[in-house]
Every structure is written in structure tokens, then in C-alpha cells.
Amino acid sequence: MQRLKKLRDDVPLHLILLLFAIPTFFPIFVMLSISGKDFFQYGAQPLLPTLPFNFSNYEVAWSFMSNTYLNNTVIIGTGVAGVMLFGSLTAFALARFSFRGRKLLFYYVLAVLAIPSTVILVPLFMLIVDLGLTNTRWAVILPYAASQSFAILVMYTFFYNLPKELFESAQIDGAGFFRMYIHFGLPLARPVMSAVGVFLIWLFWNDYVWPSLVLSDPQIQTVALRLVVFYLGRTVPEPGQGMAASVISSIPLIVLFLVSMRTFIAGLTSGAIKA
């Protein structure tokens, strides 16, 4: 009886939340609706669903986008792995060890966060050209792996607020830096690192500007870049095929979030409590 009363009391709250959720889900509904239309169906009814649903749009979009998923997996997987490895090592050293210049180094990391990414596009592009890495996956992997400031800041906050007695007892037992990092730092920071990893994957997956500067070979282009090429390369506008390509490009991120949702939320909650 008490549970039913609680459910009745929550109905107004759920209705309000549903009302606020409609503007969020409406663009997704429109995208799915348009993805099943041909040119004439879109002209007659651009927003609401129409029949028959044209699955051929997905076939055309997939034939154009399929090879980009391997490129994204290699580029983003390697880049995020580099950020997680070197970023967590840096954050752990800054948070748990005292050495000369530690505060100056930490302030430098904060200063990098304040620099707009567009400011460094030209010098970074010139560096990639000088290294002869244009039209290679390394032209995207290396800048992604070097984007560690945000990850360092988040993991530093977590490591800094861990009980110092834990590491003092480990030092008394003779544990060195890497042993404490591997056996204490990494296991405890797993939720936070997972949350940062999901955020970086989302950020890199949707990045268009940098890959468009250094990747012109269609065989190694990323999903976001290939999607824009697909939209602009149509001699006759095909909104249905374009939206089908958008749906295909967003599916991996949706699956990633659904799979890692609990870990992601745990990481955000852990960071909030520690902060």
C-alpha cells in the first residue's frame, strides 16, 4: 500500500520530466523518420513518418561509411589509450608525490585548458606537415593522445583526495611509484577513468575539424569527416540517405553509452564526492 502511494505521488514528477524530455527526443524521432524517406516522400511530408520505409537508404549509407569504423577504432582507441596511460601517470605523480616544480607543472596543465583549440590548429598542422605525417592515421592519433589536460585534472582531483595513509603504509612496505600506481591507483580510479574515457571517445568521435585538415585519403578518413563528405558529395540532394548515414554514425556511441552507463555514472558520482 505504501509503495502504491509513493508511485502515485511520483506521477506528477514523472510527467514533468517526460515533458522536458520531449524536446530532447524529438530531433531523434525526426532523424529516424527522415532516414526512411525517398526524395519525393520527404518533399510531401518532411517530418512525420511515411510508408513504405526505405531501407535502401541505409544500404547506400553503409556502403559509403563502412570502412570508416575501422579507422575510428584504431585512431580513437590508440589516442584514448595514450591519454589514459600518460594522463593517469602524470595525475598520480602530481597528486601523491612532492617534488620541486610540482605546483608550477599543475598550473601549466590548467593553463593549457584555457587555450582554445582553434588557436593551436595552424602550428599543430605545420608540425604534422614537417613530420611528414599528413594522410596517415598518426596525424590524428598523436594530437588526440596529447590532449591530456582534462583527463589529468579530473584524475588528479581523485588521486589527491584518496587517504594518504594508504600510500604511506605502502611506502613503509617498500612499494615504489609504479607498484603503488598499478596496485592502488589504477584499481581505485577505474570508475573515474572509465567516465573520462567515455567522454573522450564521444569528443574524438564527433571531431570533424582536425581530421578534415590532415586526412584527404578516403581510405583513412574518420566517421565524422566521411559523413560530411557523404552529405556534400551528393549531386542530387537525398535527405533520407544523409539521415540514414547520421543514424549509422551515431549507433556505436549509443551502444557504448548503454554498455558503460553504470560505470560512467559511478565515475561522475565518485568525482563529485571527491571534489
C-alpha atoms as a PDB file:
ATOM      1  CA  MET A   1       0.000   0.000   0.000  1.00  0.00           C
ATOM      2  CA  GLN A   2       2.807   2.395   0.915  1.00  0.00           C
ATOM      3  CA  ARG A   3       4.604   1.570  -2.338  1.00  0.00           C
ATOM      4  CA  LEU A   4       1.464   2.333  -4.393  1.00  0.00           C
ATOM      5  CA  LYS A   5       1.074   5.639  -2.556  1.00  0.00           C
ATOM      6  CA  LYS A   6       4.682   6.518  -3.353  1.00  0.00           C
ATOM      7  CA  LEU A   7       4.135   5.677  -7.030  1.00  0.00           C
ATOM      8  CA  ARG A   8       1.043   7.903  -7.128  1.00  0.00           C
ATOM      9  CA  ASP A   9       3.000  10.732  -5.532  1.00  0.00           C
ATOM     10  CA  ASP A  10       5.751  10.355  -8.166  1.00  0.00           C
ATOM     11  CA  VAL A  11       3.377  10.530 -11.139  1.00  0.00           C
ATOM     12  CA  PRO A  12       3.409  14.388 -11.374  1.00  0.00           C
ATOM     13  CA  LEU A  13       7.202  14.413 -11.212  1.00  0.00           C
ATOM     14  CA  HIS A  14       7.468  11.786 -13.939  1.00  0.00           C
ATOM     15  CA  LEU A  15       5.042  13.722 -16.146  1.00  0.00           C
ATOM     16  CA  ILE A  16       7.118  16.885 -15.734  1.00  0.00           C
ATOM     17  CA  LEU A  17      10.321  15.012 -16.585  1.00  0.00           C
ATOM     18  CA  LEU A  18       8.622  13.463 -19.615  1.00  0.00           C
ATOM     19  CA  LEU A  19       7.540  16.917 -20.750  1.00  0.00           C
ATOM     20  CA  PHE A  20      11.106  18.196 -20.540  1.00  0.00           C
ATOM     21  CA  ALA A  21      12.385  15.078 -22.346  1.00  0.00           C
ATOM     22  CA  ILE A  22      10.207  15.627 -25.425  1.00  0.00           C
ATOM     23  CA  PRO A  23      12.424  18.405 -26.899  1.00  0.00           C
ATOM     24  CA  THR A  24      15.427  16.099 -26.426  1.00  0.00           C
ATOM     25  CA  PHE A  25      13.935  13.094 -28.191  1.00  0.00           C
ATOM     26  CA  PHE A  26      12.074  14.992 -30.926  1.00  0.00           C
ATOM     27  CA  PRO A  27      15.200  15.558 -33.109  1.00  0.00           C
ATOM     28  CA  ILE A  28      15.995  11.848 -32.813  1.00  0.00           C
ATOM     29  CA  PHE A  29      12.449  10.998 -33.886  1.00  0.00           C
ATOM     30  CA  VAL A  30      12.756  13.344 -36.894  1.00  0.00           C
ATOM     31  CA  MET A  31      16.122  11.875 -37.861  1.00  0.00           C
ATOM     32  CA  LEU A  32      14.758   8.323 -37.806  1.00  0.00           C
ATOM     33  CA  SER A  33      11.657   9.421 -39.713  1.00  0.00           C
ATOM     34  CA  ILE A  34      13.606  11.163 -42.489  1.00  0.00           C
ATOM     35  CA  SER A  35      16.094   8.298 -42.761  1.00  0.00           C
ATOM     36  CA  GLY A  36      13.330   6.097 -44.221  1.00  0.00           C
ATOM     37  CA  LYS A  37      12.091   8.530 -46.880  1.00  0.00           C
ATOM     38  CA  ASP A  38      12.967   8.876 -50.528  1.00  0.00           C
ATOM     39  CA  PHE A  39      13.210  12.300 -52.187  1.00  0.00           C
ATOM     40  CA  PHE A  40       9.502  12.505 -53.044  1.00  0.00           C
ATOM     41  CA  GLN A  41       8.297  11.335 -49.626  1.00  0.00           C
ATOM     42  CA  TYR A  42      10.491  13.957 -47.981  1.00  0.00           C
ATOM     43  CA  GLY A  43       9.039  16.663 -50.221  1.00  0.00           C
ATOM     44  CA  ALA A  44       5.479  15.631 -49.388  1.00  0.00           C
ATOM     45  CA  GLN A  45       5.930  15.085 -45.628  1.00  0.00           C
ATOM     46  CA  PRO A  46       9.357  16.127 -44.283  1.00  0.00           C
ATOM     47  CA  LEU A  47       8.827  15.412 -40.576  1.00  0.00           C
ATOM     48  CA  LEU A  48       6.228  12.728 -39.870  1.00  0.00           C
ATOM     49  CA  PRO A  49       6.821   9.060 -40.838  1.00  0.00           C
ATOM     50  CA  THR A  50       5.624   7.832 -44.215  1.00  0.00           C
ATOM     51  CA  LEU A  51       5.191   4.410 -45.766  1.00  0.00           C
ATOM     52  CA  PRO A  52       6.872   2.467 -47.173  1.00  0.00           C
ATOM     53  CA  PHE A  53      10.041   2.813 -45.089  1.00  0.00           C
ATOM     54  CA  ASN A  54      13.023   2.833 -47.491  1.00  0.00           C
ATOM     55  CA  PHE A  55      15.713   0.593 -46.012  1.00  0.00           C
ATOM     56  CA  SER A  56      17.680   1.119 -49.219  1.00  0.00           C
ATOM     57  CA  ASN A  57      18.821   4.444 -47.735  1.00  0.00           C
ATOM     58  CA  TYR A  58      20.723   2.511 -45.080  1.00  0.00           C
ATOM     59  CA  GLU A  59      22.261   0.222 -47.681  1.00  0.00           C
ATOM     60  CA  VAL A  60      23.623   3.200 -49.638  1.00  0.00           C
ATOM     61  CA  ALA A  61      24.847   4.941 -46.487  1.00  0.00           C
ATOM     62  CA  TRP A  62      26.506   1.797 -45.139  1.00  0.00           C
ATOM     63  CA  SER A  63      28.343   1.135 -48.399  1.00  0.00           C
ATOM     64  CA  PHE A  64      29.831   4.617 -48.139  1.00  0.00           C
ATOM     65  CA  MET A  65      30.533   4.656 -44.365  1.00  0.00           C
ATOM     66  CA  SER A  66      31.506   1.074 -43.515  1.00  0.00           C
ATOM     67  CA  ASN A  67      35.293   1.396 -43.883  1.00  0.00           C
ATOM     68  CA  THR A  68      35.421   4.388 -41.522  1.00  0.00           C
ATOM     69  CA  TYR A  69      34.575   2.329 -38.430  1.00  0.00           C
ATOM     70  CA  LEU A  70      37.908   0.526 -38.507  1.00  0.00           C
ATOM     71  CA  ASN A  71      39.671   3.873 -38.881  1.00  0.00           C
ATOM     72  CA  ASN A  72      37.812   5.298 -35.882  1.00  0.00           C
ATOM     73  CA  THR A  73      38.505   2.199 -33.811  1.00  0.00           C
ATOM     74  CA  VAL A  74      42.243   2.363 -34.487  1.00  0.00           C
ATOM     75  CA  ILE A  75      42.582   6.152 -34.203  1.00  0.00           C
ATOM     76  CA  ILE A  76      40.339   6.760 -31.208  1.00  0.00           C
ATOM     77  CA  GLY A  77      41.310   3.534 -29.416  1.00  0.00           C
ATOM     78  CA  THR A  78      45.014   4.338 -29.630  1.00  0.00           C
ATOM     79  CA  GLY A  79      44.504   8.005 -28.799  1.00  0.00           C
ATOM     80  CA  VAL A  80      42.321   7.344 -25.742  1.00  0.00           C
ATOM     81  CA  ALA A  81      44.699   4.604 -24.543  1.00  0.00           C
ATOM     82  CA  GLY A  82      47.562   7.113 -24.723  1.00  0.00           C
ATOM     83  CA  VAL A  83      45.581   9.704 -22.766  1.00  0.00           C
ATOM     84  CA  MET A  84      44.593   7.157 -20.108  1.00  0.00           C
ATOM     85  CA  LEU A  85      48.127   5.813 -19.670  1.00  0.00           C
ATOM     86  CA  PHE A  86      50.178   9.001 -19.643  1.00  0.00           C
ATOM     87  CA  GLY A  87      47.439  11.170 -18.150  1.00  0.00           C
ATOM     88  CA  SER A  88      46.894   8.853 -15.187  1.00  0.00           C
ATOM     89  CA  LEU A  89      50.653   8.552 -14.597  1.00  0.00           C
ATOM     90  CA  THR A  90      51.008  12.340 -14.591  1.00  0.00           C
ATOM     91  CA  ALA A  91      47.975  12.868 -12.370  1.00  0.00           C
ATOM     92  CA  PHE A  92      49.155  10.216  -9.895  1.00  0.00           C
ATOM     93  CA  ALA A  93      52.636  11.727  -9.675  1.00  0.00           C
ATOM     94  CA  LEU A  94      51.275  15.264  -9.192  1.00  0.00           C
ATOM     95  CA  ALA A  95      48.739  14.199  -6.571  1.00  0.00           C
ATOM     96  CA  ARG A  96      50.697  11.743  -4.444  1.00  0.00           C
ATOM     97  CA  PHE A  97      54.335  12.898  -4.590  1.00  0.00           C
ATOM     98  CA  SER A  98      56.065  16.138  -3.614  1.00  0.00           C
ATOM     99  CA  PHE A  99      58.878  17.411  -5.833  1.00  0.00           C
ATOM    100  CA  ARG A 100      60.252  20.734  -6.963  1.00  0.00           C
ATOM    101  CA  GLY A 101      58.093  22.412  -9.564  1.00  0.00           C
ATOM    102  CA  ARG A 102      55.006  20.294  -8.894  1.00  0.00           C
ATOM    103  CA  LYS A 103      52.645  23.263  -8.442  1.00  0.00           C
ATOM    104  CA  LEU A 104      54.114  25.021 -11.474  1.00  0.00           C
ATOM    105  CA  LEU A 105      53.521  21.913 -13.598  1.00  0.00           C
ATOM    106  CA  PHE A 106      49.953  21.603 -12.339  1.00  0.00           C
ATOM    107  CA  TYR A 107      49.246  25.262 -13.140  1.00  0.00           C
ATOM    108  CA  TYR A 108      50.666  24.665 -16.606  1.00  0.00           C
ATOM    109  CA  VAL A 109      48.117  21.883 -17.105  1.00  0.00           C
ATOM    110  CA  LEU A 110      45.338  24.249 -16.025  1.00  0.00           C
ATOM    111  CA  ALA A 111      46.651  26.938 -18.382  1.00  0.00           C
ATOM    112  CA  VAL A 112      46.514  24.538 -21.331  1.00  0.00           C
ATOM    113  CA  LEU A 113      42.796  24.009 -20.650  1.00  0.00           C
ATOM    114  CA  ALA A 114      42.251  27.756 -21.031  1.00  0.00           C
ATOM    115  CA  ILE A 115      43.701  27.837 -24.571  1.00  0.00           C
ATOM    116  CA  PRO A 116      41.015  27.499 -27.295  1.00  0.00           C
ATOM    117  CA  SER A 117      41.691  24.503 -29.517  1.00  0.00           C
ATOM    118  CA  THR A 118      41.330  26.637 -32.657  1.00  0.00           C
ATOM    119  CA  VAL A 119      44.350  28.723 -31.624  1.00  0.00           C
ATOM    120  CA  ILE A 120      46.749  25.796 -31.988  1.00  0.00           C
ATOM    121  CA  LEU A 121      45.340  24.402 -35.238  1.00  0.00           C
ATOM    122  CA  VAL A 122      47.830  26.218 -37.501  1.00  0.00           C
ATOM    123  CA  PRO A 123      51.040  25.447 -35.538  1.00  0.00           C
ATOM    124  CA  LEU A 124      49.887  21.880 -34.977  1.00  0.00           C
ATOM    125  CA  PHE A 125      49.160  21.442 -38.681  1.00  0.00           C
ATOM    126  CA  MET A 126      52.606  22.849 -39.574  1.00  0.00           C
ATOM    127  CA  LEU A 127      54.203  20.393 -37.132  1.00  0.00           C
ATOM    128  CA  ILE A 128      52.368  17.447 -38.688  1.00  0.00           C
ATOM    129  CA  VAL A 129      53.449  18.596 -42.171  1.00  0.00           C
ATOM    130  CA  ASP A 130      57.087  18.940 -41.060  1.00  0.00           C
ATOM    131  CA  LEU A 131      56.978  15.421 -39.616  1.00  0.00           C
ATOM    132  CA  GLY A 132      55.571  14.085 -42.883  1.00  0.00           C
ATOM    133  CA  LEU A 133      52.529  12.537 -41.192  1.00  0.00           C
ATOM    134  CA  THR A 134      49.728  14.022 -43.294  1.00  0.00           C
ATOM    135  CA  ASN A 135      47.343  11.439 -44.725  1.00  0.00           C
ATOM    136  CA  THR A 136      48.350   8.914 -42.068  1.00  0.00           C
ATOM    137  CA  ARG A 137      46.451   7.768 -39.005  1.00  0.00           C
ATOM    138  CA  TRP A 138      49.293   9.078 -36.817  1.00  0.00           C
ATOM    139  CA  ALA A 139      48.388  12.625 -37.873  1.00  0.00           C
ATOM    140  CA  VAL A 140      45.206  12.238 -35.819  1.00  0.00           C
ATOM    141  CA  ILE A 141      46.361   9.756 -33.171  1.00  0.00           C
ATOM    142  CA  LEU A 142      49.264  11.830 -31.834  1.00  0.00           C
ATOM    143  CA  PRO A 143      47.293  15.071 -31.258  1.00  0.00           C
ATOM    144  CA  TYR A 144      44.486  13.062 -29.646  1.00  0.00           C
ATOM    145  CA  ALA A 145      46.914  11.244 -27.354  1.00  0.00           C
ATOM    146  CA  ALA A 146      48.472  14.590 -26.386  1.00  0.00           C
ATOM    147  CA  SER A 147      45.108  16.050 -25.319  1.00  0.00           C
ATOM    148  CA  GLN A 148      45.602  15.078 -21.681  1.00  0.00           C
ATOM    149  CA  SER A 149      44.880  18.251 -19.706  1.00  0.00           C
ATOM    150  CA  PHE A 150      41.231  17.485 -18.929  1.00  0.00           C
ATOM    151  CA  ALA A 151      41.988  13.861 -18.018  1.00  0.00           C
ATOM    152  CA  ILE A 152      44.898  14.927 -15.800  1.00  0.00           C
ATOM    153  CA  LEU A 153      42.744  17.459 -13.955  1.00  0.00           C
ATOM    154  CA  VAL A 154      39.922  15.002 -13.278  1.00  0.00           C
ATOM    155  CA  MET A 155      42.197  12.145 -12.205  1.00  0.00           C
ATOM    156  CA  TYR A 156      44.402  14.484 -10.158  1.00  0.00           C
ATOM    157  CA  THR A 157      41.348  15.530  -8.126  1.00  0.00           C
ATOM    158  CA  PHE A 158      40.522  11.877  -7.494  1.00  0.00           C
ATOM    159  CA  PHE A 159      44.064  10.767  -6.576  1.00  0.00           C
ATOM    160  CA  TYR A 160      44.641  13.819  -4.385  1.00  0.00           C
ATOM    161  CA  ASN A 161      41.611  13.049  -2.201  1.00  0.00           C
ATOM    162  CA  LEU A 162      42.495   9.407  -1.585  1.00  0.00           C
ATOM    163  CA  PRO A 163      43.527   8.615   2.020  1.00  0.00           C
ATOM    164  CA  LYS A 164      47.231   9.367   2.415  1.00  0.00           C
ATOM    165  CA  GLU A 165      47.548   6.567   5.000  1.00  0.00           C
ATOM    166  CA  LEU A 166      47.007   4.045   2.221  1.00  0.00           C
ATOM    167  CA  PHE A 167      50.098   5.183   0.364  1.00  0.00           C
ATOM    168  CA  GLU A 168      52.163   5.795   3.474  1.00  0.00           C
ATOM    169  CA  SER A 169      51.666   2.188   4.570  1.00  0.00           C
ATOM    170  CA  ALA A 170      52.579   1.020   1.072  1.00  0.00           C
ATOM    171  CA  GLN A 171      55.785   3.080   1.165  1.00  0.00           C
ATOM    172  CA  ILE A 172      56.667   1.603   4.551  1.00  0.00           C
ATOM    173  CA  ASP A 173      56.298  -1.850   2.997  1.00  0.00           C
ATOM    174  CA  GLY A 174      58.763  -0.818   0.309  1.00  0.00           C
ATOM    175  CA  ALA A 175      56.376  -0.130  -2.564  1.00  0.00           C
ATOM    176  CA  GLY A 176      57.729   2.182  -5.237  1.00  0.00           C
ATOM    177  CA  PHE A 177      55.942   4.592  -7.549  1.00  0.00           C
ATOM    178  CA  PHE A 178      54.875   2.099 -10.217  1.00  0.00           C
ATOM    179  CA  ARG A 179      53.804  -0.526  -7.687  1.00  0.00           C
ATOM    180  CA  MET A 180      51.546   1.958  -5.896  1.00  0.00           C
ATOM    181  CA  TYR A 181      50.239   3.188  -9.231  1.00  0.00           C
ATOM    182  CA  ILE A 182      49.404  -0.291 -10.527  1.00  0.00           C
ATOM    183  CA  HIS A 183      48.115  -1.895  -7.313  1.00  0.00           C
ATOM    184  CA  PHE A 184      46.416   1.083  -5.649  1.00  0.00           C
ATOM    185  CA  GLY A 185      45.941   3.965  -8.067  1.00  0.00           C
ATOM    186  CA  LEU A 186      44.534   2.180 -11.110  1.00  0.00           C
ATOM    187  CA  PRO A 187      42.042  -0.134  -9.323  1.00  0.00           C
ATOM    188  CA  LEU A 188      40.610   2.713  -7.259  1.00  0.00           C
ATOM    189  CA  ALA A 189      40.412   5.121 -10.199  1.00  0.00           C
ATOM    190  CA  ARG A 190      38.724   2.692 -12.576  1.00  0.00           C
ATOM    191  CA  PRO A 191      35.260   4.365 -12.433  1.00  0.00           C
ATOM    192  CA  VAL A 192      36.730   7.844 -12.934  1.00  0.00           C
ATOM    193  CA  MET A 193      38.972   6.681 -15.769  1.00  0.00           C
ATOM    194  CA  SER A 194      36.005   4.963 -17.415  1.00  0.00           C
ATOM    195  CA  ALA A 195      33.957   8.171 -17.263  1.00  0.00           C
ATOM    196  CA  VAL A 196      36.836  10.185 -18.739  1.00  0.00           C
ATOM    197  CA  GLY A 197      37.370   7.535 -21.417  1.00  0.00           C
ATOM    198  CA  VAL A 198      33.710   7.604 -22.500  1.00  0.00           C
ATOM    199  CA  PHE A 199      33.793  11.404 -22.660  1.00  0.00           C
ATOM    200  CA  LEU A 200      36.981  11.388 -24.771  1.00  0.00           C
ATOM    201  CA  ILE A 201      35.583   8.763 -27.140  1.00  0.00           C
ATOM    202  CA  TRP A 202      32.490  10.918 -27.651  1.00  0.00           C
ATOM    203  CA  LEU A 203      34.663  14.018 -28.179  1.00  0.00           C
ATOM    204  CA  PHE A 204      37.037  12.374 -30.664  1.00  0.00           C
ATOM    205  CA  TRP A 205      34.261  10.501 -32.497  1.00  0.00           C
ATOM    206  CA  ASN A 206      32.470  13.762 -33.320  1.00  0.00           C
ATOM    207  CA  ASP A 207      35.617  15.707 -34.198  1.00  0.00           C
ATOM    208  CA  TYR A 208      35.498  16.972 -37.768  1.00  0.00           C
ATOM    209  CA  VAL A 209      37.839  19.976 -37.942  1.00  0.00           C
ATOM    210  CA  TRP A 210      41.192  18.323 -37.274  1.00  0.00           C
ATOM    211  CA  PRO A 211      40.694  15.178 -39.431  1.00  0.00           C
ATOM    212  CA  SER A 212      39.492  17.412 -42.289  1.00  0.00           C
ATOM    213  CA  LEU A 213      42.850  19.225 -42.217  1.00  0.00           C
ATOM    214  CA  VAL A 214      45.169  16.213 -42.248  1.00  0.00           C
ATOM    215  CA  LEU A 215      43.168  13.390 -43.885  1.00  0.00           C
ATOM    216  CA  SER A 216      42.233  13.628 -47.554  1.00  0.00           C
ATOM    217  CA  ASP A 217      42.627   9.940 -48.407  1.00  0.00           C
ATOM    218  CA  PRO A 218      39.113   8.363 -48.332  1.00  0.00           C
ATOM    219  CA  GLN A 219      40.559   5.072 -47.099  1.00  0.00           C
ATOM    220  CA  ILE A 220      41.654   6.522 -43.734  1.00  0.00           C
ATOM    221  CA  GLN A 221      39.002   9.183 -43.129  1.00  0.00           C
ATOM    222  CA  THR A 222      37.066   9.173 -39.861  1.00  0.00           C
ATOM    223  CA  VAL A 223      33.315   8.755 -39.431  1.00  0.00           C
ATOM    224  CA  ALA A 224      32.598  12.461 -38.834  1.00  0.00           C
ATOM    225  CA  LEU A 225      34.657  13.533 -41.842  1.00  0.00           C
ATOM    226  CA  ARG A 226      33.198  10.861 -44.111  1.00  0.00           C
ATOM    227  CA  LEU A 227      29.683  11.829 -43.027  1.00  0.00           C
ATOM    228  CA  VAL A 228      30.195  15.430 -44.165  1.00  0.00           C
ATOM    229  CA  VAL A 229      31.706  14.201 -47.443  1.00  0.00           C
ATOM    230  CA  PHE A 230      28.648  11.998 -47.924  1.00  0.00           C
ATOM    231  CA  TYR A 231      26.294  14.958 -47.384  1.00  0.00           C
ATOM    232  CA  LEU A 232      28.180  17.371 -49.644  1.00  0.00           C
ATOM    233  CA  GLY A 233      29.067  14.845 -52.331  1.00  0.00           C
ATOM    234  CA  ARG A 234      25.505  14.154 -53.454  1.00  0.00           C
ATOM    235  CA  THR A 235      24.821  15.519 -56.952  1.00  0.00           C
ATOM    236  CA  VAL A 236      21.096  15.308 -56.150  1.00  0.00           C
ATOM    237  CA  PRO A 237      20.034  16.091 -52.551  1.00  0.00           C
ATOM    238  CA  GLU A 238      18.984  12.926 -50.731  1.00  0.00           C
ATOM    239  CA  PRO A 239      17.910  13.865 -47.170  1.00  0.00           C
ATOM    240  CA  GLY A 240      16.872  10.278 -46.439  1.00  0.00           C
ATOM    241  CA  GLN A 241      20.281   8.821 -47.266  1.00  0.00           C
ATOM    242  CA  GLY A 242      22.002  11.601 -45.339  1.00  0.00           C
ATOM    243  CA  MET A 243      19.925  10.964 -42.220  1.00  0.00           C
ATOM    244  CA  ALA A 244      20.490   7.220 -42.592  1.00  0.00           C
ATOM    245  CA  ALA A 245      24.242   7.905 -42.570  1.00  0.00           C
ATOM    246  CA  SER A 246      23.772  10.028 -39.440  1.00  0.00           C
ATOM    247  CA  VAL A 247      21.910   7.188 -37.715  1.00  0.00           C
ATOM    248  CA  ILE A 248      24.627   4.696 -38.664  1.00  0.00           C
ATOM    249  CA  SER A 249      27.373   7.016 -37.410  1.00  0.00           C
ATOM    250  CA  SER A 250      25.651   7.516 -34.039  1.00  0.00           C
ATOM    251  CA  ILE A 251      24.882   3.849 -33.273  1.00  0.00           C
ATOM    252  CA  PRO A 252      28.356   2.989 -31.837  1.00  0.00           C
ATOM    253  CA  LEU A 253      28.170   5.886 -29.367  1.00  0.00           C
ATOM    254  CA  ILE A 254      24.686   4.870 -28.258  1.00  0.00           C
ATOM    255  CA  VAL A 255      25.804   1.274 -27.739  1.00  0.00           C
ATOM    256  CA  LEU A 256      28.917   2.454 -25.872  1.00  0.00           C
ATOM    257  CA  PHE A 257      26.869   4.577 -23.502  1.00  0.00           C
ATOM    258  CA  LEU A 258      24.303   1.851 -22.857  1.00  0.00           C
ATOM    259  CA  VAL A 259      27.057  -0.671 -22.113  1.00  0.00           C
ATOM    260  CA  SER A 260      29.092   1.656 -19.882  1.00  0.00           C
ATOM    261  CA  MET A 261      26.229   3.694 -18.405  1.00  0.00           C
ATOM    262  CA  ARG A 262      26.570   2.352 -14.860  1.00  0.00           C
ATOM    263  CA  THR A 263      30.332   2.754 -14.843  1.00  0.00           C
ATOM    264  CA  PHE A 264      30.056   6.215 -16.382  1.00  0.00           C
ATOM    265  CA  ILE A 265      27.552   7.426 -13.788  1.00  0.00           C
ATOM    266  CA  ALA A 266      29.603   5.837 -10.979  1.00  0.00           C
ATOM    267  CA  GLY A 267      32.657   7.719 -12.223  1.00  0.00           C
ATOM    268  CA  LEU A 268      30.809  11.037 -12.306  1.00  0.00           C
ATOM    269  CA  THR A 269      29.393  10.435  -8.819  1.00  0.00           C
ATOM    270  CA  SER A 270      32.776   9.443  -7.462  1.00  0.00           C
ATOM    271  CA  GLY A 271      34.366  12.562  -8.882  1.00  0.00           C
ATOM    272  CA  ALA A 272      31.612  14.727  -7.446  1.00  0.00           C
ATOM    273  CA  ILE A 273      32.030  13.240  -3.978  1.00  0.00           C
ATOM    274  CA  LYS A 274      35.797  13.520  -4.055  1.00  0.00           C
ATOM    275  CA  ALA A 275      35.676  17.101  -5.259  1.00  0.00           C
END
